[in-house]
């Protein structure tokens, strides 16, 4: 059974930076990027977030280089599949019905969805 990755806002910020730098980045360079964005994180703060993400199986660290285990689209897809499996009984149709019931969907959105489903 797949699980939902419970990721804090700060951990997601780290993931976003890592996704932006695809092939991996030195921890010191990653910290510098956050400093440039106005984050006043200490090295230990970043290390804590990385340790949590590593424990969740989302990043790996080797020789002070940090890399994501899953790309952004793969991660988002896994999260969505887990939600659909657990909340909507594994049925995409149940998810779409619930979404449409709670949110307005434009004719353009509906046509794009139908086109996508027909072509994929």
Protein backbone atom coordinates (compact mmCIF):
# COMPACT_ATOMS: atom_id res chain seq x y z
CA UNK A 1 0.00 0.00 0.00
CA UNK A 2 1.36 3.39 -0.98
CA UNK A 3 1.29 6.15 1.55
CA UNK A 4 0.74 9.85 1.45
CA UNK A 5 3.87 11.75 2.20
CA UNK A 6 3.06 14.16 5.01
CA UNK A 7 5.34 17.05 4.13
CA UNK A 8 5.41 20.33 6.06
CA UNK A 9 5.39 23.68 4.28
CA UNK A 10 9.09 24.18 5.04
CA UNK A 11 9.96 20.69 3.80
CA UNK A 12 8.01 21.42 0.60
CA UNK A 13 10.06 24.59 0.15
CA UNK A 14 13.18 22.43 0.28
CA UNK A 15 11.67 20.00 -2.23
CA UNK A 16 10.80 22.88 -4.57
CA UNK A 17 14.40 24.16 -4.50
CA UNK A 18 15.70 20.66 -5.13
CA UNK A 19 13.34 20.16 -8.07
CA UNK A 20 14.54 23.47 -9.51
CA UNK A 21 18.12 22.12 -9.40
CA UNK A 22 17.36 18.71 -10.89
CA UNK A 23 20.65 16.81 -10.74
CA UNK A 24 21.43 17.58 -7.13
CA UNK A 25 23.02 20.38 -5.21
CA UNK A 26 25.52 20.76 -2.40
CA UNK A 27 23.93 21.38 0.98
CA UNK A 28 25.93 24.59 1.34
CA UNK A 29 24.65 25.84 -2.03
CA UNK A 30 21.10 24.96 -1.06
CA UNK A 31 21.45 26.94 2.15
CA UNK A 32 22.81 29.90 0.16
CA UNK A 33 19.73 29.81 -2.10
CA UNK A 34 17.46 30.06 0.92
CA UNK A 35 19.57 32.88 2.34
CA UNK A 36 19.25 34.71 -0.99
CA UNK A 37 15.47 34.32 -0.67
CA UNK A 38 15.57 35.96 2.74
CA UNK A 39 15.31 32.78 4.82
CA UNK A 40 17.37 33.02 7.96
CA UNK A 41 17.80 29.28 8.33
CA UNK A 42 20.91 27.98 10.02
CA UNK A 43 22.78 25.01 8.63
CA UNK A 44 21.25 22.79 11.33
CA UNK A 45 17.72 23.91 10.41
CA UNK A 46 18.23 22.88 6.80
CA UNK A 47 19.88 19.67 7.94
CA UNK A 48 16.81 18.87 10.07
CA UNK A 49 14.47 19.34 7.09
CA UNK A 50 16.73 17.23 4.89
CA UNK A 51 16.90 14.48 7.53
CA UNK A 52 13.10 14.42 7.73
CA UNK A 53 12.78 14.27 3.94
CA UNK A 54 15.44 11.57 3.79
CA UNK A 55 13.56 9.59 6.45
CA UNK A 56 10.43 9.83 4.31
CA UNK A 57 12.35 8.49 1.32
CA UNK A 58 12.01 11.70 -0.67
CA UNK A 59 15.65 12.80 -0.82
CA UNK A 60 19.03 11.16 -0.61
CA UNK A 61 22.35 12.63 0.44
CA UNK A 62 25.71 11.43 -0.74
CA UNK A 63 28.98 13.29 -0.20
CA UNK A 64 27.14 16.47 0.79
CA UNK A 65 25.12 16.41 -2.43
CA UNK A 66 21.34 16.35 -2.02
CA UNK A 67 19.11 14.81 -4.68
CA UNK A 68 15.40 14.19 -4.89
CA UNK A 69 14.28 10.59 -5.21
CA UNK A 70 11.15 11.49 -7.21
CA UNK A 71 10.62 14.23 -9.75
CA UNK A 72 7.87 16.77 -9.12
CA UNK A 73 5.36 15.13 -11.48
CA UNK A 74 6.08 11.65 -10.14
CA UNK A 75 5.68 12.87 -6.55
CA UNK A 76 2.42 14.67 -7.34
CA UNK A 77 1.12 11.63 -9.21
CA UNK A 78 1.91 9.33 -6.28
CA UNK A 79 0.17 11.69 -3.87
CA UNK A 80 -2.91 11.92 -6.08
CA UNK A 81 -3.09 8.17 -6.64
CA UNK A 82 -2.91 7.55 -2.91
CA UNK A 83 -5.75 10.02 -2.27
CA UNK A 84 -7.89 8.48 -5.01
CA UNK A 85 -7.20 4.96 -3.70
CA UNK A 86 -7.92 5.77 -0.06
CA UNK A 87 -10.63 8.40 -0.26
CA UNK A 88 -12.41 7.54 -3.49
CA UNK A 89 -12.13 3.74 -3.54
CA UNK A 90 -9.56 3.79 -6.30
CA UNK A 91 -12.05 5.23 -8.78
CA UNK A 92 -11.10 8.34 -10.69
CA UNK A 93 -14.76 8.81 -11.59
CA UNK A 94 -15.62 9.16 -7.89
CA UNK A 95 -12.91 11.79 -7.50
CA UNK A 96 -14.06 13.76 -10.55
CA UNK A 97 -17.71 13.58 -9.45
CA UNK A 98 -16.79 14.86 -5.99
CA UNK A 99 -14.63 17.62 -7.43
CA UNK A 100 -17.30 18.79 -9.85
CA UNK A 101 -19.94 18.70 -7.10
CA UNK A 102 -17.83 20.98 -4.87
CA UNK A 103 -16.32 23.21 -7.58
CA UNK A 104 -17.63 24.83 -10.68
CA UNK A 105 -16.21 23.48 -13.92
CA UNK A 106 -16.36 25.53 -17.07
CA UNK A 107 -17.41 24.18 -20.42
CA UNK A 108 -13.83 24.73 -21.59
CA UNK A 109 -12.47 22.68 -18.66
CA UNK A 110 -14.97 19.91 -19.38
CA UNK A 111 -14.02 19.82 -23.07
CA UNK A 112 -10.30 19.76 -22.23
CA UNK A 113 -10.86 16.89 -19.80
CA UNK A 114 -12.86 14.91 -22.34
CA UNK A 115 -10.20 15.53 -25.01
CA UNK A 116 -7.48 14.42 -22.60
CA UNK A 117 -9.32 11.24 -21.65
CA UNK A 118 -10.04 10.38 -25.26
CA UNK A 119 -6.44 10.88 -26.34
CA UNK A 120 -4.62 9.21 -23.43
